[in-house]
Amino acid sequence: MPELPEVETIARKLRPELVGKRILKADLLWPRTLATPTPAKFRKLVKGQEIQAVSRRGKYFVIQLSHYHLFVHLRMSGDLYIKEENATPEKHDRMILSLTPGPSPARGGENPPLRPREGLGVRETKLVFNDTRKFGRVWLVRDPDEVVGRLGPEPLSEEFTAQALYESLQARHRQLKPLLLDQSFLAGLGNIYTDEALHRARLHPLIRSDAVKREQAEALWAAIREVLQEGIRHNGASLDWVYRGGDFQNHFRVYDRKGQPCPVCGTAVERLVIGQRSTHVCPDCQRIGS
């Protein structure tokens, strides 16, 4: 599943392609892709909406429209990309938004009339949501809190401080890794970047959160931000057929490196299963009693 750096990378690539364009129509090739509203209402509401911003909240894409917010979560196998106007839909395309080129003149009303081929001589494009396993979802809402209101803080935001992390860890009595994966605790972390951050902070994933000392919380805070920023600089990690384009996998310290030497101490990396999730640790650098 794409994590924060992969979602951020895709959002940055889509932003200049989408901002200022308007939605001509929506084709739902698998209606259950929509979490809300109904397909008929979705088609009606998005038609004529101008795309004003493209951003990210946790692992969600946030596409701000004239009067609504469009959220997309890729889950296990989703992808978002731009296609040319006449491109043939692919087998696993689930939603296609046909877009006019360029910003539109201001008009009154939520759904101003559309003129086909706005921007004469410039090709229309399509925003495509492709999802092989059908786990991804799309929401169209007025209030963003309906979708992301329960998410925890953004780990790269100014509000996420070492002190705030320490207090949040002390307020809970949970194993450290499952807690960091809990999106209501901290938004955006997944299996890869949690393993990498815990190794940098020299913390074992099974220790209890309220056993983490202040200096350890400070190290974890710095490690989380460092590994996410590094992941973004490398355009994320490419591990399988779902997400391609980044090379952060070439810089992993422990994730997916079972049996290989730890880059810090040389001890063979071990693989554990915690909460049904594959977990990679250095048994020397990340001693559970340290």
C-alpha atoms as a PDB file:
ATOM      1  CA  MET A   1       0.000   0.000   0.000  1.00  0.00           C
ATOM      2  CA  PRO A   2       1.395   3.428  -0.883  1.00  0.00           C
ATOM      3  CA  GLU A   3       2.328   5.378   2.238  1.00  0.00           C
ATOM      4  CA  LEU A   4       2.775   9.098   2.850  1.00  0.00           C
ATOM      5  CA  PRO A   5       5.859   9.616   0.614  1.00  0.00           C
ATOM      6  CA  GLU A   6       4.304   7.733  -2.323  1.00  0.00           C
ATOM      7  CA  VAL A   7       0.990   9.583  -2.019  1.00  0.00           C
ATOM      8  CA  GLU A   8       2.802  12.920  -1.692  1.00  0.00           C
ATOM      9  CA  THR A   9       4.873  12.138  -4.792  1.00  0.00           C
ATOM     10  CA  ILE A  10       1.796  11.322  -6.876  1.00  0.00           C
ATOM     11  CA  ALA A  11      -0.038  14.413  -5.598  1.00  0.00           C
ATOM     12  CA  ARG A  12       2.869  16.652  -6.599  1.00  0.00           C
ATOM     13  CA  LYS A  13       2.897  15.152 -10.089  1.00  0.00           C
ATOM     14  CA  LEU A  14      -0.865  15.522 -10.522  1.00  0.00           C
ATOM     15  CA  ARG A  15      -1.135  19.072  -9.172  1.00  0.00           C
ATOM     16  CA  PRO A  16       0.076  20.993 -12.266  1.00  0.00           C
ATOM     17  CA  GLU A  17      -1.937  18.677 -14.516  1.00  0.00           C
ATOM     18  CA  LEU A  18      -5.219  19.200 -12.672  1.00  0.00           C
ATOM     19  CA  VAL A  19      -5.438  22.616 -11.017  1.00  0.00           C
ATOM     20  CA  GLY A  20      -7.578  25.008 -13.028  1.00  0.00           C
ATOM     21  CA  LYS A  21      -9.318  22.325 -15.066  1.00  0.00           C
ATOM     22  CA  ARG A  22     -13.000  21.491 -14.890  1.00  0.00           C
ATOM     23  CA  ILE A  23     -14.787  18.173 -14.879  1.00  0.00           C
ATOM     24  CA  LEU A  24     -16.794  17.477 -18.030  1.00  0.00           C
ATOM     25  CA  LYS A  25     -18.189  14.151 -16.871  1.00  0.00           C
ATOM     26  CA  ALA A  26     -17.560  11.187 -14.613  1.00  0.00           C
ATOM     27  CA  ASP A  27     -17.559   7.582 -15.788  1.00  0.00           C
ATOM     28  CA  LEU A  28     -17.888   4.987 -13.038  1.00  0.00           C
ATOM     29  CA  LEU A  29     -16.762   1.659 -14.432  1.00  0.00           C
ATOM     30  CA  TRP A  30     -17.147  -0.031 -11.039  1.00  0.00           C
ATOM     31  CA  PRO A  31     -19.774   1.894  -9.004  1.00  0.00           C
ATOM     32  CA  ARG A  32     -18.689   0.413  -5.663  1.00  0.00           C
ATOM     33  CA  THR A  33     -15.505   2.446  -5.951  1.00  0.00           C
ATOM     34  CA  LEU A  34     -17.648   5.247  -4.524  1.00  0.00           C
ATOM     35  CA  ALA A  35     -18.014   5.294  -0.757  1.00  0.00           C
ATOM     36  CA  THR A  36     -20.328   8.285  -0.992  1.00  0.00           C
ATOM     37  CA  PRO A  37     -22.587   9.612  -2.550  1.00  0.00           C
ATOM     38  CA  THR A  38     -24.594   7.422  -4.932  1.00  0.00           C
ATOM     39  CA  PRO A  39     -23.226   7.084  -8.481  1.00  0.00           C
ATOM     40  CA  ALA A  40     -26.063   9.137  -9.982  1.00  0.00           C
ATOM     41  CA  LYS A  41     -25.591  11.950  -7.479  1.00  0.00           C
ATOM     42  CA  PHE A  42     -21.823  11.838  -7.913  1.00  0.00           C
ATOM     43  CA  ARG A  43     -22.055  12.255 -11.685  1.00  0.00           C
ATOM     44  CA  LYS A  44     -24.417  15.201 -11.264  1.00  0.00           C
ATOM     45  CA  LEU A  45     -22.451  16.970  -8.538  1.00  0.00           C
ATOM     46  CA  VAL A  46     -18.966  16.762 -10.051  1.00  0.00           C
ATOM     47  CA  LYS A  47     -19.980  17.891 -13.518  1.00  0.00           C
ATOM     48  CA  GLY A  48     -18.797  21.460 -14.010  1.00  0.00           C
ATOM     49  CA  GLN A  49     -16.701  21.578 -10.844  1.00  0.00           C
ATOM     50  CA  GLU A  50     -13.337  23.278 -11.163  1.00  0.00           C
ATOM     51  CA  ILE A  51     -10.290  21.663  -9.574  1.00  0.00           C
ATOM     52  CA  GLN A  52      -8.812  24.307  -7.300  1.00  0.00           C
ATOM     53  CA  ALA A  53      -6.167  22.382  -5.371  1.00  0.00           C
ATOM     54  CA  VAL A  54      -4.563  18.954  -5.076  1.00  0.00           C
ATOM     55  CA  SER A  55      -3.070  17.927  -1.747  1.00  0.00           C
ATOM     56  CA  ARG A  56      -2.734  15.050   0.691  1.00  0.00           C
ATOM     57  CA  ARG A  57      -4.002  14.214   4.165  1.00  0.00           C
ATOM     58  CA  GLY A  58      -2.364  11.129   5.604  1.00  0.00           C
ATOM     59  CA  LYS A  59      -2.639   8.533   2.839  1.00  0.00           C
ATOM     60  CA  TYR A  60      -5.640  10.266   1.225  1.00  0.00           C
ATOM     61  CA  PHE A  61      -5.532  12.395  -1.899  1.00  0.00           C
ATOM     62  CA  VAL A  62      -7.540  15.580  -1.429  1.00  0.00           C
ATOM     63  CA  ILE A  63      -8.836  17.202  -4.613  1.00  0.00           C
ATOM     64  CA  GLN A  64     -10.540  20.468  -3.731  1.00  0.00           C
ATOM     65  CA  LEU A  65     -13.336  21.332  -6.144  1.00  0.00           C
ATOM     66  CA  SER A  66     -15.373  24.516  -6.445  1.00  0.00           C
ATOM     67  CA  HIS A  67     -17.917  23.375  -3.876  1.00  0.00           C
ATOM     68  CA  TYR A  68     -16.853  19.909  -2.772  1.00  0.00           C
ATOM     69  CA  HIS A  69     -13.877  17.855  -1.662  1.00  0.00           C
ATOM     70  CA  LEU A  70     -12.966  14.722  -3.597  1.00  0.00           C
ATOM     71  CA  PHE A  71     -11.009  12.177  -1.553  1.00  0.00           C
ATOM     72  CA  VAL A  72      -9.240   9.139  -2.988  1.00  0.00           C
ATOM     73  CA  HIS A  73      -7.578   6.351  -1.019  1.00  0.00           C
ATOM     74  CA  LEU A  74      -5.507   3.921  -3.066  1.00  0.00           C
ATOM     75  CA  ARG A  75      -5.520   1.112  -0.489  1.00  0.00           C
ATOM     76  CA  MET A  76      -3.661  -2.007  -1.701  1.00  0.00           C
ATOM     77  CA  SER A  77      -3.478  -1.604  -5.461  1.00  0.00           C
ATOM     78  CA  GLY A  78      -4.884   1.761  -6.529  1.00  0.00           C
ATOM     79  CA  ASP A  79      -3.252   4.324  -8.781  1.00  0.00           C
ATOM     80  CA  LEU A  80      -4.126   7.788 -10.068  1.00  0.00           C
ATOM     81  CA  TYR A  81      -2.785   9.100 -13.349  1.00  0.00           C
ATOM     82  CA  ILE A  82      -3.503  11.294 -16.348  1.00  0.00           C
ATOM     83  CA  LYS A  83      -4.494   9.935 -19.760  1.00  0.00           C
ATOM     84  CA  GLU A  84      -5.074  11.621 -23.077  1.00  0.00           C
ATOM     85  CA  GLU A  85      -8.636  12.274 -24.183  1.00  0.00           C
ATOM     86  CA  ASN A  86      -8.920   9.372 -26.631  1.00  0.00           C
ATOM     87  CA  ALA A  87      -7.130   6.754 -24.518  1.00  0.00           C
ATOM     88  CA  THR A  88      -8.972   3.441 -24.301  1.00  0.00           C
ATOM     89  CA  PRO A  89     -10.041   2.422 -20.775  1.00  0.00           C
ATOM     90  CA  GLU A  90      -7.957  -0.371 -19.286  1.00  0.00           C
ATOM     91  CA  LYS A  91      -9.269  -3.503 -17.610  1.00  0.00           C
ATOM     92  CA  HIS A  92      -8.903  -2.233 -14.059  1.00  0.00           C
ATOM     93  CA  ASP A  93      -9.931   1.408 -14.557  1.00  0.00           C
ATOM     94  CA  ARG A  94     -12.659   2.090 -11.983  1.00  0.00           C
ATOM     95  CA  MET A  95     -13.361   5.814 -12.357  1.00  0.00           C
ATOM     96  CA  ILE A  96     -12.556   8.258 -15.149  1.00  0.00           C
ATOM     97  CA  LEU A  97     -13.023  12.023 -14.905  1.00  0.00           C
ATOM     98  CA  SER A  98     -12.956  13.807 -18.257  1.00  0.00           C
ATOM     99  CA  LEU A  99     -11.401  17.250 -17.895  1.00  0.00           C
ATOM    100  CA  THR A 100     -11.406  20.454 -19.892  1.00  0.00           C
ATOM    101  CA  PRO A 101      -8.058  22.213 -20.297  1.00  0.00           C
ATOM    102  CA  GLY A 102      -7.353  25.412 -18.409  1.00  0.00           C
ATOM    103  CA  PRO A 103      -9.322  27.423 -15.835  1.00  0.00           C
ATOM    104  CA  SER A 104     -12.865  28.439 -16.678  1.00  0.00           C
ATOM    105  CA  PRO A 105     -14.385  31.926 -16.520  1.00  0.00           C
ATOM    106  CA  ALA A 106     -16.341  32.632 -13.357  1.00  0.00           C
ATOM    107  CA  ARG A 107     -20.020  31.848 -13.536  1.00  0.00           C
ATOM    108  CA  GLY A 108     -22.732  31.732 -10.921  1.00  0.00           C
ATOM    109  CA  GLY A 109     -24.162  28.511  -9.520  1.00  0.00           C
ATOM    110  CA  GLU A 110     -22.584  25.315  -8.348  1.00  0.00           C
ATOM    111  CA  ASN A 111     -22.570  23.594 -11.732  1.00  0.00           C
ATOM    112  CA  PRO A 112     -22.175  26.209 -14.496  1.00  0.00           C
ATOM    113  CA  PRO A 113     -22.855  25.085 -18.066  1.00  0.00           C
ATOM    114  CA  LEU A 114     -20.023  23.321 -19.842  1.00  0.00           C
ATOM    115  CA  ARG A 115     -18.877  23.943 -23.376  1.00  0.00           C
ATOM    116  CA  PRO A 116     -17.310  20.865 -24.931  1.00  0.00           C
ATOM    117  CA  ARG A 117     -13.760  21.403 -26.151  1.00  0.00           C
ATOM    118  CA  GLU A 118     -13.175  24.484 -24.012  1.00  0.00           C
ATOM    119  CA  GLY A 119      -9.762  25.811 -24.897  1.00  0.00           C
ATOM    120  CA  LEU A 120      -9.807  25.268 -28.657  1.00  0.00           C
ATOM    121  CA  GLY A 121      -6.701  23.522 -29.939  1.00  0.00           C
ATOM    122  CA  VAL A 122      -5.801  22.079 -26.526  1.00  0.00           C
ATOM    123  CA  ARG A 123      -6.537  18.427 -25.902  1.00  0.00           C
ATOM    124  CA  GLU A 124      -8.791  17.375 -23.089  1.00  0.00           C
ATOM    125  CA  THR A 125      -7.396  14.914 -20.587  1.00  0.00           C
ATOM    126  CA  LYS A 126      -8.722  12.315 -18.173  1.00  0.00           C
ATOM    127  CA  LEU A 127      -7.992  11.617 -14.529  1.00  0.00           C
ATOM    128  CA  VAL A 128      -8.094   7.855 -14.112  1.00  0.00           C
ATOM    129  CA  PHE A 129      -8.430   5.821 -10.933  1.00  0.00           C
ATOM    130  CA  ASN A 130      -7.133   2.320 -11.641  1.00  0.00           C
ATOM    131  CA  ASP A 131      -7.457  -0.360  -8.972  1.00  0.00           C
ATOM    132  CA  THR A 132      -6.793  -4.030  -9.659  1.00  0.00           C
ATOM    133  CA  ARG A 133      -8.011  -5.429  -6.335  1.00  0.00           C
ATOM    134  CA  LYS A 134     -10.955  -3.041  -5.927  1.00  0.00           C
ATOM    135  CA  PHE A 135     -10.024  -2.039  -2.365  1.00  0.00           C
ATOM    136  CA  GLY A 136      -9.575   1.675  -3.124  1.00  0.00           C
ATOM    137  CA  ARG A 137     -12.360   4.139  -2.460  1.00  0.00           C
ATOM    138  CA  VAL A 138     -13.554   7.599  -3.520  1.00  0.00           C
ATOM    139  CA  TRP A 139     -15.585  10.090  -1.486  1.00  0.00           C
ATOM    140  CA  LEU A 140     -17.273  13.333  -2.573  1.00  0.00           C
ATOM    141  CA  VAL A 141     -18.227  15.468   0.430  1.00  0.00           C
ATOM    142  CA  ARG A 142     -18.729  19.070   1.449  1.00  0.00           C
ATOM    143  CA  ASP A 143     -17.167  18.639   4.885  1.00  0.00           C
ATOM    144  CA  PRO A 144     -13.661  17.092   4.838  1.00  0.00           C
ATOM    145  CA  ASP A 145     -14.110  15.895   8.427  1.00  0.00           C
ATOM    146  CA  GLU A 146     -16.581  13.308   7.159  1.00  0.00           C
ATOM    147  CA  VAL A 147     -13.598  11.457   5.698  1.00  0.00           C
ATOM    148  CA  VAL A 148     -10.447  12.581   7.518  1.00  0.00           C
ATOM    149  CA  GLY A 149     -11.796  14.069  10.723  1.00  0.00           C
ATOM    150  CA  ARG A 150     -10.526  11.194  12.843  1.00  0.00           C
ATOM    151  CA  LEU A 151      -6.992  11.150  11.472  1.00  0.00           C
ATOM    152  CA  GLY A 152      -4.112  11.897  13.769  1.00  0.00           C
ATOM    153  CA  PRO A 153      -1.601  14.700  13.216  1.00  0.00           C
ATOM    154  CA  GLU A 154       0.492  15.047  10.086  1.00  0.00           C
ATOM    155  CA  PRO A 155       4.027  13.890  10.967  1.00  0.00           C
ATOM    156  CA  LEU A 156       5.656  16.629   8.876  1.00  0.00           C
ATOM    157  CA  SER A 157       3.512  19.434  10.252  1.00  0.00           C
ATOM    158  CA  GLU A 158       4.629  22.077  12.749  1.00  0.00           C
ATOM    159  CA  GLU A 159       1.966  20.851  15.167  1.00  0.00           C
ATOM    160  CA  PHE A 160       3.649  17.454  15.419  1.00  0.00           C
ATOM    161  CA  THR A 161       6.379  18.073  17.968  1.00  0.00           C
ATOM    162  CA  ALA A 162       8.588  15.757  19.993  1.00  0.00           C
ATOM    163  CA  GLN A 163       6.752  16.819  23.154  1.00  0.00           C
ATOM    164  CA  ALA A 164       3.363  16.090  21.578  1.00  0.00           C
ATOM    165  CA  LEU A 165       4.549  12.647  20.503  1.00  0.00           C
ATOM    166  CA  TYR A 166       5.917  11.872  23.966  1.00  0.00           C
ATOM    167  CA  GLU A 167       2.649  12.880  25.649  1.00  0.00           C
ATOM    168  CA  SER A 168       0.598  10.839  23.182  1.00  0.00           C
ATOM    169  CA  LEU A 169       2.779   7.768  23.738  1.00  0.00           C
ATOM    170  CA  GLN A 170       2.487   8.127  27.515  1.00  0.00           C
ATOM    171  CA  ALA A 171      -1.286   8.387  27.296  1.00  0.00           C
ATOM    172  CA  ARG A 172      -1.558   4.908  25.753  1.00  0.00           C
ATOM    173  CA  HIS A 173      -0.521   1.394  26.730  1.00  0.00           C
ATOM    174  CA  ARG A 174      -0.013  -0.288  23.374  1.00  0.00           C
ATOM    175  CA  GLN A 175       2.762  -2.005  21.471  1.00  0.00           C
ATOM    176  CA  LEU A 176       4.761   0.666  19.706  1.00  0.00           C
ATOM    177  CA  LYS A 177       4.543  -0.434  16.079  1.00  0.00           C
ATOM    178  CA  PRO A 178       0.773  -1.140  15.970  1.00  0.00           C
ATOM    179  CA  LEU A 179       0.217   2.237  17.594  1.00  0.00           C
ATOM    180  CA  LEU A 180       2.326   4.057  14.997  1.00  0.00           C
ATOM    181  CA  LEU A 181       0.360   2.289  12.254  1.00  0.00           C
ATOM    182  CA  ASP A 182      -2.924   3.490  13.771  1.00  0.00           C
ATOM    183  CA  GLN A 183      -3.977   6.362  11.512  1.00  0.00           C
ATOM    184  CA  SER A 184      -5.966   7.975  14.318  1.00  0.00           C
ATOM    185  CA  PHE A 185      -2.710   8.260  16.277  1.00  0.00           C
ATOM    186  CA  LEU A 186      -0.476   9.504  13.458  1.00  0.00           C
ATOM    187  CA  ALA A 187      -1.510   9.945   9.841  1.00  0.00           C
ATOM    188  CA  GLY A 188       0.476   8.579   6.917  1.00  0.00           C
ATOM    189  CA  LEU A 189       2.816   5.970   8.363  1.00  0.00           C
ATOM    190  CA  GLY A 190       2.673   2.421   7.026  1.00  0.00           C
ATOM    191  CA  ASN A 191       4.703  -0.740   7.354  1.00  0.00           C
ATOM    192  CA  ILE A 192       7.796   0.443   5.473  1.00  0.00           C
ATOM    193  CA  TYR A 193       8.393   3.810   7.071  1.00  0.00           C
ATOM    194  CA  THR A 194       7.467   2.618  10.561  1.00  0.00           C
ATOM    195  CA  ASP A 195      10.119  -0.134  10.423  1.00  0.00           C
ATOM    196  CA  GLU A 196      12.689   2.297   9.089  1.00  0.00           C
ATOM    197  CA  ALA A 197      11.903   4.969  11.696  1.00  0.00           C
ATOM    198  CA  LEU A 198      12.008   2.519  14.590  1.00  0.00           C
ATOM    199  CA  HIS A 199      15.410   1.272  13.471  1.00  0.00           C
ATOM    200  CA  ARG A 200      16.799   4.797  13.250  1.00  0.00           C
ATOM    201  CA  ALA A 201      15.443   5.525  16.727  1.00  0.00           C
ATOM    202  CA  ARG A 202      16.847   2.200  18.031  1.00  0.00           C
ATOM    203  CA  LEU A 203      13.444   1.186  19.406  1.00  0.00           C
ATOM    204  CA  HIS A 204      11.966  -2.297  19.325  1.00  0.00           C
ATOM    205  CA  PRO A 205       8.493  -2.431  17.755  1.00  0.00           C
ATOM    206  CA  LEU A 206       7.070  -4.504  20.618  1.00  0.00           C
ATOM    207  CA  ILE A 207       7.843  -2.184  23.533  1.00  0.00           C
ATOM    208  CA  ARG A 208       4.886  -0.511  25.184  1.00  0.00           C
ATOM    209  CA  SER A 209       4.282   3.080  24.203  1.00  0.00           C
ATOM    210  CA  ASP A 210       4.119   4.330  27.797  1.00  0.00           C
ATOM    211  CA  ALA A 211       7.527   2.747  28.465  1.00  0.00           C
ATOM    212  CA  VAL A 212       9.164   5.044  25.920  1.00  0.00           C
ATOM    213  CA  LYS A 213      11.347   7.596  27.684  1.00  0.00           C
ATOM    214  CA  ARG A 214      11.376  11.258  26.756  1.00  0.00           C
ATOM    215  CA  GLU A 215      14.761  11.088  25.005  1.00  0.00           C
ATOM    216  CA  GLN A 216      13.590   8.007  23.094  1.00  0.00           C
ATOM    217  CA  ALA A 217      10.438   9.826  22.003  1.00  0.00           C
ATOM    218  CA  GLU A 218      12.581  12.697  20.775  1.00  0.00           C
ATOM    219  CA  ALA A 219      14.708  10.259  18.766  1.00  0.00           C
ATOM    220  CA  LEU A 220      11.590   8.613  17.340  1.00  0.00           C
ATOM    221  CA  TRP A 221      10.096  11.989  16.391  1.00  0.00           C
ATOM    222  CA  ALA A 222      13.255  12.946  14.522  1.00  0.00           C
ATOM    223  CA  ALA A 223      13.482   9.516  12.869  1.00  0.00           C
ATOM    224  CA  ILE A 224       9.885   9.623  11.633  1.00  0.00           C
ATOM    225  CA  ARG A 225      10.369  13.007  10.025  1.00  0.00           C
ATOM    226  CA  GLU A 226      13.765  12.120   8.576  1.00  0.00           C
ATOM    227  CA  VAL A 227      12.636   8.874   6.974  1.00  0.00           C
ATOM    228  CA  LEU A 228       9.511  10.447   5.489  1.00  0.00           C
ATOM    229  CA  GLN A 229      11.434  13.411   4.094  1.00  0.00           C
ATOM    230  CA  GLU A 230      14.047  11.087   2.649  1.00  0.00           C
ATOM    231  CA  GLY A 231      11.316   8.940   1.143  1.00  0.00           C
ATOM    232  CA  ILE A 232       9.789  11.985  -0.548  1.00  0.00           C
ATOM    233  CA  ARG A 233      13.184  13.061  -1.891  1.00  0.00           C
ATOM    234  CA  HIS A 234      13.487   9.634  -3.521  1.00  0.00           C
ATOM    235  CA  ASN A 235       9.895   9.763  -4.868  1.00  0.00           C
ATOM    236  CA  GLY A 236       8.857   6.970  -2.541  1.00  0.00           C
ATOM    237  CA  ALA A 237       9.694   3.284  -2.676  1.00  0.00           C
ATOM    238  CA  SER A 238       9.002   0.907  -5.571  1.00  0.00           C
ATOM    239  CA  LEU A 239       8.503  -2.629  -4.315  1.00  0.00           C
ATOM    240  CA  ASP A 240       6.040  -4.347  -6.629  1.00  0.00           C
ATOM    241  CA  TRP A 241       3.745  -3.848  -9.588  1.00  0.00           C
ATOM    242  CA  VAL A 242       1.455  -1.403  -7.765  1.00  0.00           C
ATOM    243  CA  TYR A 243       3.699   1.640  -7.318  1.00  0.00           C
ATOM    244  CA  ARG A 244       6.657   2.410  -9.551  1.00  0.00           C
ATOM    245  CA  GLY A 245       8.841   5.451  -9.953  1.00  0.00           C
ATOM    246  CA  GLY A 246      10.721   5.854  -6.684  1.00  0.00           C
ATOM    247  CA  ASP A 247      14.022   4.431  -5.513  1.00  0.00           C
ATOM    248  CA  PHE A 248      13.863   4.692  -1.727  1.00  0.00           C
ATOM    249  CA  GLN A 249      13.916   0.872  -1.624  1.00  0.00           C
ATOM    250  CA  ASN A 250      17.607   1.168  -2.440  1.00  0.00           C
ATOM    251  CA  HIS A 251      18.133   2.984   0.851  1.00  0.00           C
ATOM    252  CA  PHE A 252      16.252   0.717   3.266  1.00  0.00           C
ATOM    253  CA  ARG A 253      18.085  -0.118   6.474  1.00  0.00           C
ATOM    254  CA  VAL A 254      15.904  -3.006   7.648  1.00  0.00           C
ATOM    255  CA  TYR A 255      12.632  -3.251   5.749  1.00  0.00           C
ATOM    256  CA  ASP A 256      12.516  -6.305   3.458  1.00  0.00           C
ATOM    257  CA  ARG A 257      16.181  -7.065   4.313  1.00  0.00           C
ATOM    258  CA  LYS A 258      15.791 -10.281   6.342  1.00  0.00           C
ATOM    259  CA  GLY A 259      19.151 -11.991   6.772  1.00  0.00           C
ATOM    260  CA  GLN A 260      21.123  -9.049   5.409  1.00  0.00           C
ATOM    261  CA  PRO A 261      23.541  -7.102   7.627  1.00  0.00           C
ATOM    262  CA  CYS A 262      22.321  -4.105   9.574  1.00  0.00           C
ATOM    263  CA  PRO A 263      24.082  -1.042   8.105  1.00  0.00           C
ATOM    264  CA  VAL A 264      24.850   0.186  11.622  1.00  0.00           C
ATOM    265  CA  CYS A 265      26.223  -2.865  13.423  1.00  0.00           C
ATOM    266  CA  GLY A 266      26.363  -5.670  10.851  1.00  0.00           C
ATOM    267  CA  THR A 267      23.962  -7.990  12.704  1.00  0.00           C
ATOM    268  CA  ALA A 268      21.604  -9.956  10.461  1.00  0.00           C
ATOM    269  CA  VAL A 269      18.185  -8.313  10.141  1.00  0.00           C
ATOM    270  CA  GLU A 270      15.321 -10.415  11.501  1.00  0.00           C
ATOM    271  CA  ARG A 271      11.721 -10.655  10.358  1.00  0.00           C
ATOM    272  CA  LEU A 272       8.888 -10.751  12.902  1.00  0.00           C
ATOM    273  CA  VAL A 273       5.122 -10.812  12.512  1.00  0.00           C
ATOM    274  CA  ILE A 274       3.382  -8.217  14.672  1.00  0.00           C
ATOM    275  CA  GLY A 275      -0.349  -7.725  14.362  1.00  0.00           C
ATOM    276  CA  GLN A 276      -0.322  -9.810  11.173  1.00  0.00           C
ATOM    277  CA  ARG A 277       2.179  -7.379   9.662  1.00  0.00           C
ATOM    278  CA  SER A 278       5.661  -8.269   8.474  1.00  0.00           C
ATOM    279  CA  THR A 279       8.184  -6.411  10.631  1.00  0.00           C
ATOM    280  CA  HIS A 280      11.943  -6.080  10.238  1.00  0.00           C
ATOM    281  CA  VAL A 281      14.337  -5.313  13.075  1.00  0.00           C
ATOM    282  CA  CYS A 282      18.002  -5.426  13.996  1.00  0.00           C
ATOM    283  CA  PRO A 283      18.138  -7.563  17.160  1.00  0.00           C
ATOM    284  CA  ASP A 284      21.242  -5.716  18.372  1.00  0.00           C
ATOM    285  CA  CYS A 285      20.336  -2.082  17.617  1.00  0.00           C
ATOM    286  CA  GLN A 286      16.709  -2.543  18.693  1.00  0.00           C
ATOM    287  CA  ARG A 287      16.880  -4.552  21.884  1.00  0.00           C
ATOM    288  CA  ILE A 288      13.491  -4.840  23.526  1.00  0.00           C
ATOM    289  CA  GLY A 289      14.885  -4.149  26.998  1.00  0.00           C
ATOM    290  CA  SER A 290      17.047  -1.200  26.015  1.00  0.00           C
END
